[in-house]
C-alpha atoms as a PDB file:
ATOM      1  CA  UNK A   1       0.069   6.072 -13.609  1.00  0.00           C
ATOM      2  CA  UNK A   2      -1.526   7.720 -10.813  1.00  0.00           C
ATOM      3  CA  UNK A   3      -1.005  11.436 -10.149  1.00  0.00           C
ATOM      4  CA  UNK A   4       0.532  12.757  -6.876  1.00  0.00           C
ATOM      5  CA  UNK A   5      -1.634  14.400  -4.546  1.00  0.00           C
ATOM      6  CA  UNK A   6      -0.685  17.545  -2.731  1.00  0.00           C
ATOM      7  CA  UNK A   7      -1.225  16.110   0.738  1.00  0.00           C
ATOM      8  CA  UNK A   8       0.967  13.186  -0.160  1.00  0.00           C
ATOM      9  CA  UNK A   9       3.810  15.471  -1.094  1.00  0.00           C
ATOM     10  CA  UNK A  10       3.482  17.819   2.036  1.00  0.00           C
ATOM     11  CA  UNK A  11       3.454  14.369   4.182  1.00  0.00           C
ATOM     12  CA  UNK A  12       6.775  13.351   2.493  1.00  0.00           C
ATOM     13  CA  UNK A  13       8.467  16.707   2.518  1.00  0.00           C
ATOM     14  CA  UNK A  14       7.671  16.957   6.354  1.00  0.00           C
ATOM     15  CA  UNK A  15       8.802  13.451   7.069  1.00  0.00           C
ATOM     16  CA  UNK A  16      12.120  13.876   5.395  1.00  0.00           C
ATOM     17  CA  UNK A  17      12.663  17.476   6.798  1.00  0.00           C
ATOM     18  CA  UNK A  18      11.933  16.056  10.341  1.00  0.00           C
ATOM     19  CA  UNK A  19      14.416  13.143   9.627  1.00  0.00           C
ATOM     20  CA  UNK A  20      17.159  15.434   8.361  1.00  0.00           C
ATOM     21  CA  UNK A  21      16.702  17.802  11.359  1.00  0.00           C
ATOM     22  CA  UNK A  22      16.827  15.193  14.127  1.00  0.00           C
ATOM     23  CA  UNK A  23      20.649  14.996  14.581  1.00  0.00           C
ATOM     24  CA  UNK A  24      20.889  18.746  14.614  1.00  0.00           C
ATOM     25  CA  UNK A  25      18.080  19.170  17.088  1.00  0.00           C
ATOM     26  CA  UNK A  26      18.905  16.160  19.330  1.00  0.00           C
ATOM     27  CA  UNK A  27      22.869  16.272  19.338  1.00  0.00           C
ATOM     28  CA  UNK A  28      23.601  13.742  22.299  1.00  0.00           C
ATOM     29  CA  UNK A  29      25.743  11.033  21.158  1.00  0.00           C
ATOM     30  CA  UNK A  30      23.760   8.205  22.417  1.00  0.00           C
ATOM     31  CA  UNK A  31      20.521   9.631  21.040  1.00  0.00           C
ATOM     32  CA  UNK A  32      21.959  10.083  17.402  1.00  0.00           C
ATOM     33  CA  UNK A  33      23.702   6.289  17.858  1.00  0.00           C
ATOM     34  CA  UNK A  34      20.153   5.099  18.202  1.00  0.00           C
ATOM     35  CA  UNK A  35      18.987   7.104  15.421  1.00  0.00           C
ATOM     36  CA  UNK A  36      21.657   5.534  13.109  1.00  0.00           C
ATOM     37  CA  UNK A  37      20.593   1.997  13.766  1.00  0.00           C
ATOM     38  CA  UNK A  38      16.795   3.124  13.352  1.00  0.00           C
ATOM     39  CA  UNK A  39      17.772   4.669  10.025  1.00  0.00           C
ATOM     40  CA  UNK A  40      19.628   1.467   9.126  1.00  0.00           C
ATOM     41  CA  UNK A  41      16.810  -0.782   9.774  1.00  0.00           C
ATOM     42  CA  UNK A  42      14.135   1.743   8.121  1.00  0.00           C
ATOM     43  CA  UNK A  43      16.413   1.275   4.955  1.00  0.00           C
ATOM     44  CA  UNK A  44      16.746  -2.527   5.231  1.00  0.00           C
ATOM     45  CA  UNK A  45      12.952  -2.910   5.769  1.00  0.00           C
ATOM     46  CA  UNK A  46      12.155  -0.554   2.822  1.00  0.00           C
ATOM     47  CA  UNK A  47      14.553  -2.565   0.575  1.00  0.00           C
ATOM     48  CA  UNK A  48      13.040  -5.853   1.767  1.00  0.00           C
ATOM     49  CA  UNK A  49       9.282  -4.531   1.225  1.00  0.00           C
ATOM     50  CA  UNK A  50      10.107  -3.808  -2.342  1.00  0.00           C
ATOM     51  CA  UNK A  51      10.375  -7.509  -2.995  1.00  0.00           C
ATOM     52  CA  UNK A  52       8.295  -9.078  -0.157  1.00  0.00           C
ATOM     53  CA  UNK A  53       5.649  -6.538   0.105  1.00  0.00           C
ATOM     54  CA  UNK A  54       4.913  -5.938  -3.546  1.00  0.00           C
ATOM     55  CA  UNK A  55       5.330  -9.458  -5.095  1.00  0.00           C
ATOM     56  CA  UNK A  56       4.783 -11.607  -2.094  1.00  0.00           C
ATOM     57  CA  UNK A  57       7.906 -13.357  -2.287  1.00  0.00           C
ATOM     58  CA  UNK A  58       9.295 -13.737   1.286  1.00  0.00           C
ATOM     59  CA  UNK A  59      12.980 -13.783   1.092  1.00  0.00           C
ATOM     60  CA  UNK A  60      14.803 -14.458   4.252  1.00  0.00           C
ATOM     61  CA  UNK A  61      18.315 -14.335   2.902  1.00  0.00           C
ATOM     62  CA  UNK A  62      18.786 -10.528   2.782  1.00  0.00           C
ATOM     63  CA  UNK A  63      21.413 -10.504   5.619  1.00  0.00           C
ATOM     64  CA  UNK A  64      23.693 -12.426   3.444  1.00  0.00           C
ATOM     65  CA  UNK A  65      24.128  -9.601   1.067  1.00  0.00           C
ATOM     66  CA  UNK A  66      24.308  -7.113   4.028  1.00  0.00           C
ATOM     67  CA  UNK A  67      27.292  -9.040   5.142  1.00  0.00           C
ATOM     68  CA  UNK A  68      28.700  -8.955   1.404  1.00  0.00           C
ATOM     69  CA  UNK A  69      28.415  -5.163   1.564  1.00  0.00           C
ATOM     70  CA  UNK A  70      30.080  -4.831   4.783  1.00  0.00           C
ATOM     71  CA  UNK A  71      33.137  -7.163   3.861  1.00  0.00           C
ATOM     72  CA  UNK A  72      33.354  -5.213   0.619  1.00  0.00           C
ATOM     73  CA  UNK A  73      33.919  -1.812   2.480  1.00  0.00           C
ATOM     74  CA  UNK A  74      36.123  -3.674   4.984  1.00  0.00           C
ATOM     75  CA  UNK A  75      38.433  -4.986   2.053  1.00  0.00           C
ATOM     76  CA  UNK A  76      38.473  -1.707   0.147  1.00  0.00           C
ATOM     77  CA  UNK A  77      39.431   0.472   3.263  1.00  0.00           C
ATOM     78  CA  UNK A  78      41.359  -1.695   5.589  1.00  0.00           C
ATOM     79  CA  UNK A  79      42.732  -0.458   8.836  1.00  0.00           C
ATOM     80  CA  UNK A  80      46.465  -0.399   7.262  1.00  0.00           C
ATOM     81  CA  UNK A  81      45.161   1.875   4.767  1.00  0.00           C
ATOM     82  CA  UNK A  82      44.703   5.016   7.249  1.00  0.00           C
ATOM     83  CA  UNK A  83      41.664   7.197   7.780  1.00  0.00           C
ATOM     84  CA  UNK A  84      39.442   6.950   4.581  1.00  0.00           C
ATOM     85  CA  UNK A  85      37.316  10.060   5.542  1.00  0.00           C
ATOM     86  CA  UNK A  86      34.158  10.361   3.472  1.00  0.00           C
ATOM     87  CA  UNK A  87      35.339   8.148   0.677  1.00  0.00           C
ATOM     88  CA  UNK A  88      33.514   4.951   1.676  1.00  0.00           C
ATOM     89  CA  UNK A  89      30.250   7.023   1.533  1.00  0.00           C
ATOM     90  CA  UNK A  90      31.126   7.778  -2.123  1.00  0.00           C
ATOM     91  CA  UNK A  91      31.985   3.879  -2.876  1.00  0.00           C
ATOM     92  CA  UNK A  92      28.867   2.430  -1.246  1.00  0.00           C
ATOM     93  CA  UNK A  93      26.728   3.090  -4.491  1.00  0.00           C
ATOM     94  CA  UNK A  94      29.030   1.175  -6.531  1.00  0.00           C
ATOM     95  CA  UNK A  95      29.172  -1.604  -4.268  1.00  0.00           C
ATOM     96  CA  UNK A  96      25.339  -1.697  -4.065  1.00  0.00           C
ATOM     97  CA  UNK A  97      25.423  -1.865  -8.033  1.00  0.00           C
ATOM     98  CA  UNK A  98      28.114  -4.567  -8.096  1.00  0.00           C
ATOM     99  CA  UNK A  99      25.884  -6.677  -5.540  1.00  0.00           C
ATOM    100  CA  UNK A 100      22.863  -6.253  -7.607  1.00  0.00           C
ATOM    101  CA  UNK A 101      24.377  -7.544 -10.600  1.00  0.00           C
ATOM    102  CA  UNK A 102      26.021 -10.398  -8.489  1.00  0.00           C
ATOM    103  CA  UNK A 103      22.523 -11.144  -7.195  1.00  0.00           C
ATOM    104  CA  UNK A 104      20.930 -11.830 -10.649  1.00  0.00           C
ATOM    105  CA  UNK A 105      22.134 -15.532 -11.265  1.00  0.00           C
ATOM    106  CA  UNK A 106      21.371 -16.331  -7.637  1.00  0.00           C
ATOM    107  CA  UNK A 107      17.980 -15.025  -8.075  1.00  0.00           C
ATOM    108  CA  UNK A 108      17.415 -16.682 -11.224  1.00  0.00           C
ATOM    109  CA  UNK A 109      18.012 -20.097  -9.389  1.00  0.00           C
ATOM    110  CA  UNK A 110      15.991 -19.099  -6.461  1.00  0.00           C
ATOM    111  CA  UNK A 111      13.084 -17.991  -8.394  1.00  0.00           C
ATOM    112  CA  UNK A 112      12.568 -21.574  -9.729  1.00  0.00           C
ATOM    113  CA  UNK A 113      10.606 -21.919  -6.530  1.00  0.00           C
ATOM    114  CA  UNK A 114       7.554 -20.241  -5.118  1.00  0.00           C
ATOM    115  CA  UNK A 115       6.018 -19.799  -1.597  1.00  0.00           C
ATOM    116  CA  UNK A 116       7.521 -21.378   1.313  1.00  0.00           C
ATOM    117  CA  UNK A 117      10.031 -23.278  -0.694  1.00  0.00           C
ATOM    118  CA  UNK A 118      11.310 -19.804  -1.905  1.00  0.00           C
ATOM    119  CA  UNK A 119      11.699 -18.807   1.813  1.00  0.00           C
ATOM    120  CA  UNK A 120      13.447 -22.121   2.739  1.00  0.00           C
ATOM    121  CA  UNK A 121      16.059 -21.554  -0.268  1.00  0.00           C
ATOM    122  CA  UNK A 122      16.741 -17.950   0.755  1.00  0.00           C
ATOM    123  CA  UNK A 123      17.214 -18.542   4.535  1.00  0.00           C
ATOM    124  CA  UNK A 124      19.563 -21.720   3.258  1.00  0.00           C
ATOM    125  CA  UNK A 125      21.521 -19.182   1.384  1.00  0.00           C
ATOM    126  CA  UNK A 126      21.760 -17.003   4.500  1.00  0.00           C
ATOM    127  CA  UNK A 127      23.553 -19.867   6.444  1.00  0.00           C
ATOM    128  CA  UNK A 128      25.605 -20.671   3.546  1.00  0.00           C
ATOM    129  CA  UNK A 129      26.908 -17.267   3.296  1.00  0.00           C
ATOM    130  CA  UNK A 130      27.339 -17.158   7.173  1.00  0.00           C
ATOM    131  CA  UNK A 131      29.558 -20.279   6.907  1.00  0.00           C
ATOM    132  CA  UNK A 132      31.508 -18.744   4.178  1.00  0.00           C
ATOM    133  CA  UNK A 133      31.988 -15.756   6.175  1.00  0.00           C
ATOM    134  CA  UNK A 134      33.750 -17.884   8.808  1.00  0.00           C
ATOM    135  CA  UNK A 135      35.767 -19.943   6.233  1.00  0.00           C
ATOM    136  CA  UNK A 136      36.961 -17.447   3.519  1.00  0.00           C
ATOM    137  CA  UNK A 137      39.841 -16.067   5.598  1.00  0.00           C
ATOM    138  CA  UNK A 138      41.287 -14.226   2.604  1.00  0.00           C
ATOM    139  CA  UNK A 139      38.109 -12.091   2.301  1.00  0.00           C
ATOM    140  CA  UNK A 140      36.736 -12.029   5.756  1.00  0.00           C
ATOM    141  CA  UNK A 141      39.626 -12.996   8.291  1.00  0.00           C
ATOM    142  CA  UNK A 142      37.248 -15.665   9.624  1.00  0.00           C
ATOM    143  CA  UNK A 143      36.207 -15.798  13.492  1.00  0.00           C
ATOM    144  CA  UNK A 144      39.016 -13.181  14.292  1.00  0.00           C
ATOM    145  CA  UNK A 145      37.298 -10.532  12.760  1.00  0.00           C
ATOM    146  CA  UNK A 146      38.255  -7.723  10.468  1.00  0.00           C
ATOM    147  CA  UNK A 147      38.762  -4.127  11.043  1.00  0.00           C
ATOM    148  CA  UNK A 148      37.905  -0.922   8.923  1.00  0.00           C
ATOM    149  CA  UNK A 149      39.677   2.206   8.525  1.00  0.00           C
ATOM    150  CA  UNK A 150      38.577   4.527  11.466  1.00  0.00           C
ATOM    151  CA  UNK A 151      37.034   7.757  10.219  1.00  0.00           C
ATOM    152  CA  UNK A 152      38.498  10.847  11.621  1.00  0.00           C
ATOM    153  CA  UNK A 153      35.172  12.812  12.351  1.00  0.00           C
ATOM    154  CA  UNK A 154      34.825  15.172  15.428  1.00  0.00           C
ATOM    155  CA  UNK A 155      34.007  13.336  18.449  1.00  0.00           C
ATOM    156  CA  UNK A 156      31.154  15.764  19.076  1.00  0.00           C
ATOM    157  CA  UNK A 157      29.316  14.952  15.910  1.00  0.00           C
ATOM    158  CA  UNK A 158      30.897  11.533  15.056  1.00  0.00           C
ATOM    159  CA  UNK A 159      27.646   9.746  14.452  1.00  0.00           C
ATOM    160  CA  UNK A 160      25.959  12.551  12.216  1.00  0.00           C
ATOM    161  CA  UNK A 161      27.647  11.615   8.858  1.00  0.00           C
ATOM    162  CA  UNK A 162      26.551   8.162   9.120  1.00  0.00           C
ATOM    163  CA  UNK A 163      23.009   8.908  10.213  1.00  0.00           C
ATOM    164  CA  UNK A 164      22.835  11.179   6.879  1.00  0.00           C
ATOM    165  CA  UNK A 165      24.349   8.562   4.744  1.00  0.00           C
ATOM    166  CA  UNK A 166      21.935   6.096   5.912  1.00  0.00           C
ATOM    167  CA  UNK A 167      19.293   8.620   5.604  1.00  0.00           C
ATOM    168  CA  UNK A 168      20.038   9.248   1.959  1.00  0.00           C
ATOM    169  CA  UNK A 169      19.986   5.470   1.280  1.00  0.00           C
ATOM    170  CA  UNK A 170      16.571   5.238   2.833  1.00  0.00           C
ATOM    171  CA  UNK A 171      15.137   8.270   0.804  1.00  0.00           C
ATOM    172  CA  UNK A 172      16.618   6.694  -2.168  1.00  0.00           C
ATOM    173  CA  UNK A 173      14.902   3.391  -1.340  1.00  0.00           C
ATOM    174  CA  UNK A 174      11.644   5.207  -0.601  1.00  0.00           C
ATOM    175  CA  UNK A 175      11.666   7.079  -4.063  1.00  0.00           C
ATOM    176  CA  UNK A 176      12.434   3.736  -5.816  1.00  0.00           C
ATOM    177  CA  UNK A 177       9.390   2.037  -4.153  1.00  0.00           C
ATOM    178  CA  UNK A 178       7.362   5.109  -4.986  1.00  0.00           C
ATOM    179  CA  UNK A 179       8.345   4.922  -8.464  1.00  0.00           C
ATOM    180  CA  UNK A 180       7.800   1.117  -8.867  1.00  0.00           C
ATOM    181  CA  UNK A 181       4.293   1.155  -7.247  1.00  0.00           C
ATOM    182  CA  UNK A 182       3.249   3.569 -10.116  1.00  0.00           C
ATOM    183  CA  UNK A 183       5.145   1.890 -12.820  1.00  0.00           C
ATOM    184  CA  UNK A 184       4.402  -1.091 -15.155  1.00  0.00           C
ATOM    185  CA  UNK A 185       6.736  -2.908 -13.043  1.00  0.00           C
ATOM    186  CA  UNK A 186       4.470  -2.445  -9.868  1.00  0.00           C
ATOM    187  CA  UNK A 187       1.614  -3.667 -11.715  1.00  0.00           C
ATOM    188  CA  UNK A 188       3.396  -6.884 -12.607  1.00  0.00           C
ATOM    189  CA  UNK A 189       4.613  -7.138  -9.104  1.00  0.00           C
ATOM    190  CA  UNK A 190       1.162  -6.749  -7.609  1.00  0.00           C
ATOM    191  CA  UNK A 191      -0.239  -9.121 -10.192  1.00  0.00           C
ATOM    192  CA  UNK A 192       2.456 -11.668  -9.057  1.00  0.00           C
ATOM    193  CA  UNK A 193       1.269 -11.358  -5.678  1.00  0.00           C
ATOM    194  CA  UNK A 194      -2.322 -11.726  -6.329  1.00  0.00           C
ATOM    195  CA  UNK A 195      -2.037 -14.731  -8.749  1.00  0.00           C
ATOM    196  CA  UNK A 196       1.372 -15.529 -10.648  1.00  0.00           C
ATOM    197  CA  UNK A 197      -0.159 -18.009 -12.865  1.00  0.00           C
ATOM    198  CA  UNK A 198      -2.973 -15.858 -14.109  1.00  0.00           C
ATOM    199  CA  UNK A 199      -0.578 -12.849 -14.598  1.00  0.00           C
ATOM    200  CA  UNK A 200       1.507 -15.355 -16.779  1.00  0.00           C
ATOM    201  CA  UNK A 201      -1.454 -16.058 -18.827  1.00  0.00           C
ATOM    202  CA  UNK A 202      -2.039 -12.382 -19.336  1.00  0.00           C
ATOM    203  CA  UNK A 203       1.416 -12.038 -20.893  1.00  0.00           C
ATOM    204  CA  UNK A 204       3.142 -10.478 -17.738  1.00  0.00           C
ATOM    205  CA  UNK A 205       6.938 -11.156 -17.882  1.00  0.00           C
ATOM    206  CA  UNK A 206       7.236 -12.468 -14.236  1.00  0.00           C
ATOM    207  CA  UNK A 207      10.648 -13.690 -14.347  1.00  0.00           C
ATOM    208  CA  UNK A 208      12.009 -10.246 -15.473  1.00  0.00           C
ATOM    209  CA  UNK A 209       9.990  -8.400 -12.824  1.00  0.00           C
ATOM    210  CA  UNK A 210      11.200 -10.534 -10.071  1.00  0.00           C
ATOM    211  CA  UNK A 211      14.703 -10.536 -10.924  1.00  0.00           C
ATOM    212  CA  UNK A 212      14.946  -6.862 -11.428  1.00  0.00           C
ATOM    213  CA  UNK A 213      13.252  -6.243  -7.931  1.00  0.00           C
ATOM    214  CA  UNK A 214      15.250  -8.801  -6.317  1.00  0.00           C
ATOM    215  CA  UNK A 215      18.487  -6.982  -7.613  1.00  0.00           C
ATOM    216  CA  UNK A 216      17.278  -3.725  -6.466  1.00  0.00           C
ATOM    217  CA  UNK A 217      16.486  -4.814  -3.079  1.00  0.00           C
ATOM    218  CA  UNK A 218      19.627  -6.585  -2.537  1.00  0.00           C
ATOM    219  CA  UNK A 219      21.765  -3.722  -3.727  1.00  0.00           C
ATOM    220  CA  UNK A 220      20.072  -1.225  -1.166  1.00  0.00           C
ATOM    221  CA  UNK A 221      20.824  -3.749   1.526  1.00  0.00           C
ATOM    222  CA  UNK A 222      24.453  -4.178   0.459  1.00  0.00           C
ATOM    223  CA  UNK A 223      24.877  -0.270   0.479  1.00  0.00           C
ATOM    224  CA  UNK A 224      23.625  -0.256   4.039  1.00  0.00           C
ATOM    225  CA  UNK A 225      25.682  -3.083   5.061  1.00  0.00           C
ATOM    226  CA  UNK A 226      28.740  -1.106   3.698  1.00  0.00           C
ATOM    227  CA  UNK A 227      27.803   2.148   5.798  1.00  0.00           C
ATOM    228  CA  UNK A 228      27.224  -0.029   8.960  1.00  0.00           C
ATOM    229  CA  UNK A 229      30.661  -1.722   8.584  1.00  0.00           C
ATOM    230  CA  UNK A 230      32.206   1.687   8.495  1.00  0.00           C
ATOM    231  CA  UNK A 231      30.427   2.994  11.595  1.00  0.00           C
ATOM    232  CA  UNK A 232      31.383   0.298  13.960  1.00  0.00           C
ATOM    233  CA  UNK A 233      35.009  -0.230  12.371  1.00  0.00           C
ATOM    234  CA  UNK A 234      35.194  -4.036  13.014  1.00  0.00           C
ATOM    235  CA  UNK A 235      32.916  -6.706  11.914  1.00  0.00           C
ATOM    236  CA  UNK A 236      32.743 -10.407  12.798  1.00  0.00           C
ATOM    237  CA  UNK A 237      31.006 -12.830  10.736  1.00  0.00           C
ATOM    238  CA  UNK A 238      28.316 -13.864  13.245  1.00  0.00           C
ATOM    239  CA  UNK A 239      27.199 -10.041  13.255  1.00  0.00           C
ATOM    240  CA  UNK A 240      27.731  -9.248   9.599  1.00  0.00           C
ATOM    241  CA  UNK A 241      25.848 -12.123   8.406  1.00  0.00           C
ATOM    242  CA  UNK A 242      23.238 -12.391  11.306  1.00  0.00           C
ATOM    243  CA  UNK A 243      19.707 -14.007  10.798  1.00  0.00           C
ATOM    244  CA  UNK A 244      18.347 -11.547  13.366  1.00  0.00           C
ATOM    245  CA  UNK A 245      19.001  -8.752  10.802  1.00  0.00           C
ATOM    246  CA  UNK A 246      16.618 -10.434   8.481  1.00  0.00           C
ATOM    247  CA  UNK A 247      14.202 -11.006  11.261  1.00  0.00           C
ATOM    248  CA  UNK A 248      14.319  -7.416  12.279  1.00  0.00           C
ATOM    249  CA  UNK A 249      13.633  -5.769   8.852  1.00  0.00           C
ATOM    250  CA  UNK A 250      10.954  -8.509   8.052  1.00  0.00           C
ATOM    251  CA  UNK A 251       9.047  -7.871  11.434  1.00  0.00           C
ATOM    252  CA  UNK A 252       9.228  -3.966  10.857  1.00  0.00           C
ATOM    253  CA  UNK A 253       7.597  -4.275   7.554  1.00  0.00           C
ATOM    254  CA  UNK A 254       4.705  -6.504   8.898  1.00  0.00           C
ATOM    255  CA  UNK A 255       4.282  -4.141  11.843  1.00  0.00           C
ATOM    256  CA  UNK A 256       4.052  -1.069   9.821  1.00  0.00           C
ATOM    257  CA  UNK A 257       2.267  -2.451   7.057  1.00  0.00           C
ATOM    258  CA  UNK A 258       3.459  -4.920   4.128  1.00  0.00           C
ATOM    259  CA  UNK A 259       3.327  -3.264   0.618  1.00  0.00           C
ATOM    260  CA  UNK A 260       2.875   0.196   2.189  1.00  0.00           C
ATOM    261  CA  UNK A 261       5.355   3.063   1.557  1.00  0.00           C
ATOM    262  CA  UNK A 262       5.809   4.509   5.029  1.00  0.00           C
ATOM    263  CA  UNK A 263       5.122   1.193   6.972  1.00  0.00           C
ATOM    264  CA  UNK A 264       8.983  -0.229   7.226  1.00  0.00           C
ATOM    265  CA  UNK A 265       9.949   3.448   8.687  1.00  0.00           C
ATOM    266  CA  UNK A 266       6.835   3.031  11.225  1.00  0.00           C
ATOM    267  CA  UNK A 267       8.034  -0.407  12.264  1.00  0.00           C
ATOM    268  CA  UNK A 268      11.677   0.780  12.748  1.00  0.00           C
ATOM    269  CA  UNK A 269      10.681   3.860  14.550  1.00  0.00           C
ATOM    270  CA  UNK A 270       8.727   1.631  17.035  1.00  0.00           C
ATOM    271  CA  UNK A 271      11.101  -1.315  17.412  1.00  0.00           C
ATOM    272  CA  UNK A 272      14.706  -0.220  16.966  1.00  0.00           C
ATOM    273  CA  UNK A 273      14.870   2.343  19.904  1.00  0.00           C
ATOM    274  CA  UNK A 274      13.441  -0.228  22.347  1.00  0.00           C
ATOM    275  CA  UNK A 275      15.827  -2.781  21.127  1.00  0.00           C
ATOM    276  CA  UNK A 276      18.756  -0.494  21.348  1.00  0.00           C
ATOM    277  CA  UNK A 277      17.798   0.793  24.775  1.00  0.00           C
ATOM    278  CA  UNK A 278      17.312  -2.925  26.017  1.00  0.00           C
ATOM    279  CA  UNK A 279      20.634  -3.879  24.533  1.00  0.00           C
ATOM    280  CA  UNK A 280      22.683  -1.137  26.281  1.00  0.00           C
ATOM    281  CA  UNK A 281      21.938  -2.802  29.586  1.00  0.00           C
ATOM    282  CA  UNK A 282      23.841  -5.960  30.158  1.00  0.00           C
ATOM    283  CA  UNK A 283      21.037  -7.496  32.264  1.00  0.00           C
ATOM    284  CA  UNK A 284      18.331  -6.955  29.444  1.00  0.00           C
ATOM    285  CA  UNK A 285      20.614  -7.370  26.386  1.00  0.00           C
ATOM    286  CA  UNK A 286      18.874 -10.362  25.136  1.00  0.00           C
ATOM    287  CA  UNK A 287      15.371  -9.160  26.099  1.00  0.00           C
ATOM    288  CA  UNK A 288      14.865  -7.696  22.622  1.00  0.00           C
ATOM    289  CA  UNK A 289      14.450 -11.421  21.099  1.00  0.00           C
ATOM    290  CA  UNK A 290      11.556 -11.770  23.555  1.00  0.00           C
ATOM    291  CA  UNK A 291      10.169  -8.289  22.269  1.00  0.00           C
ATOM    292  CA  UNK A 292      10.407  -9.597  18.711  1.00  0.00           C
ATOM    293  CA  UNK A 293       8.575 -12.566  19.628  1.00  0.00           C
ATOM    294  CA  UNK A 294       5.750 -10.637  21.404  1.00  0.00           C
ATOM    295  CA  UNK A 295       5.476  -8.169  18.525  1.00  0.00           C
ATOM    296  CA  UNK A 296       5.176 -11.173  16.122  1.00  0.00           C
ATOM    297  CA  UNK A 297       2.308 -12.553  18.052  1.00  0.00           C
ATOM    298  CA  UNK A 298       0.545  -9.170  18.281  1.00  0.00           C
ATOM    299  CA  UNK A 299       0.669  -8.636  14.432  1.00  0.00           C
ATOM    300  CA  UNK A 300      -0.416 -11.911  13.783  1.00  0.00           C
ATOM    301  CA  UNK A 301      -3.362 -11.875  16.227  1.00  0.00           C
ATOM    302  CA  UNK A 302      -4.430  -8.115  16.337  1.00  0.00           C
ATOM    303  CA  UNK A 303      -2.912  -6.366  13.232  1.00  0.00           C
ATOM    304  CA  UNK A 304      -2.415  -9.013  10.459  1.00  0.00           C
ATOM    305  CA  UNK A 305      -2.195  -6.382   7.833  1.00  0.00           C
ATOM    306  CA  UNK A 306      -0.096  -4.157   9.822  1.00  0.00           C
ATOM    307  CA  UNK A 307      -0.776  -0.844  11.549  1.00  0.00           C
ATOM    308  CA  UNK A 308      -0.964   1.486   8.596  1.00  0.00           C
ATOM    309  CA  UNK A 309      -3.441  -0.723   6.507  1.00  0.00           C
ATOM    310  CA  UNK A 310      -5.539  -1.181   9.624  1.00  0.00           C
ATOM    311  CA  UNK A 311      -5.656   2.450  10.608  1.00  0.00           C
ATOM    312  CA  UNK A 312      -6.737   3.333   6.859  1.00  0.00           C
ATOM    313  CA  UNK A 313      -9.506   0.587   7.081  1.00  0.00           C
ATOM    314  CA  UNK A 314     -10.747   2.139  10.436  1.00  0.00           C
ATOM    315  CA  UNK A 315     -10.680   5.452   9.158  1.00  0.00           C
ATOM    316  CA  UNK A 316     -12.740   4.518   5.797  1.00  0.00           C
ATOM    317  CA  UNK A 317     -15.422   2.655   8.110  1.00  0.00           C
ATOM    318  CA  UNK A 318     -15.646   5.896  10.245  1.00  0.00           C
ATOM    319  CA  UNK A 319     -16.144   8.121   7.055  1.00  0.00           C
ATOM    320  CA  UNK A 320     -18.572   5.587   5.747  1.00  0.00           C
ATOM    321  CA  UNK A 321     -20.578   5.599   8.988  1.00  0.00           C
ATOM    322  CA  UNK A 322     -20.619   9.431   8.986  1.00  0.00           C
ATOM    323  CA  UNK A 323     -21.653   9.619   5.495  1.00  0.00           C
ATOM    324  CA  UNK A 324     -24.570   7.265   6.320  1.00  0.00           C
ATOM    325  CA  UNK A 325     -25.509   9.162   9.339  1.00  0.00           C
ATOM    326  CA  UNK A 326     -25.664  12.489   7.772  1.00  0.00           C
ATOM    327  CA  UNK A 327     -27.422  11.408   4.442  1.00  0.00           C
ATOM    328  CA  UNK A 328     -30.949  12.884   4.219  1.00  0.00           C
ATOM    329  CA  UNK A 329     -33.821  10.325   4.997  1.00  0.00           C
ATOM    330  CA  UNK A 330     -35.663   8.801   2.159  1.00  0.00           C
ATOM    331  CA  UNK A 331     -39.326  10.442   1.528  1.00  0.00           C
ATOM    332  CA  UNK A 332     -41.907   8.221   3.250  1.00  0.00           C
ATOM    333  CA  UNK A 333     -44.169   6.633   0.539  1.00  0.00           C
ATOM    334  CA  UNK A 334     -47.790   6.647   1.647  1.00  0.00           C
ATOM    335  CA  UNK A 335     -49.438   3.209   1.766  1.00  0.00           C
ATOM    336  CA  UNK A 336     -51.763   2.189  -1.182  1.00  0.00           C
ATOM    337  CA  UNK A 337     -55.463   2.649  -0.232  1.00  0.00           C
ATOM    338  CA  UNK A 338     -57.330  -0.340  -1.739  1.00  0.00           C
ATOM    339  CA  UNK A 339     -61.089  -0.497  -1.559  1.00  0.00           C
ATOM    340  CA  UNK A 340     -62.542  -3.586   0.186  1.00  0.00           C
ATOM    341  CA  UNK A 341     -64.201  -5.919  -2.199  1.00  0.00           C
ATOM    342  CA  UNK A 342     -68.007  -6.224  -1.364  1.00  0.00           C
END
């Protein structure tokens, strides 16, 4: 297990402290609202990165479990039940645990496949879940939508509790990723990403590693879905189980750097504010789809490994160049004098 550097701890503390202080420094409601969705996607992308970044299995069905978490909170705290206050924030971890357990048999079936087939299976699961969200009226109220108990938070700071709740989930996801990276589970996931058949031959229990990571990733996703439902107070199937949510979290991971600790946060910070600002204008509400497409192309063409790995590679090359430039020249070896043969 690798030791923690002081610089790494300092960077982590600085990032978390800055995120905690943000809604107290920038108190405008519209600014904190953008920060809420930014933190939501940072958590979703970090959860996706736990499986997709570390094991290489590209899951495209995470939005289905985002919707499960949202509808779970909506059913536990309906509009008729009165203002629930901060109680849903305390229930969200239990919802995440329940969804993680629920995902195990689904993952066991999905992991019978690999590569592109696994991606197709998971995106098929997403569309099945979206169809069920329209049909299961007893659980989702169908296309008419479903209300959630309206929280009676002060208008001046209404967004702040939701931001802090999502920040807590994000920090938990980052700590979980950090622990996994340095554990035997992380070694197993990296071995699966590099060569799963070889990992099996070396005795790695790949099935347990994949299932455990799958459950953790989807449990965190469901927790965020629950907070999202409580924040917007009324949910519809097409938004609770939205393929664009999955596309967004995947794109943010690839933009920031797949398999890195802070790449998902960087991707969310770059994309979500732009998407939210475009969505606030009726004439540009759908431009964020063009934004997503353009960013996908840029990542594929210019930054296939993401921003953080590319910057790290560039810094390593610059350090290596400076090292070569400052190294002392080798002593000149005089030529060997030979006498001419008469």
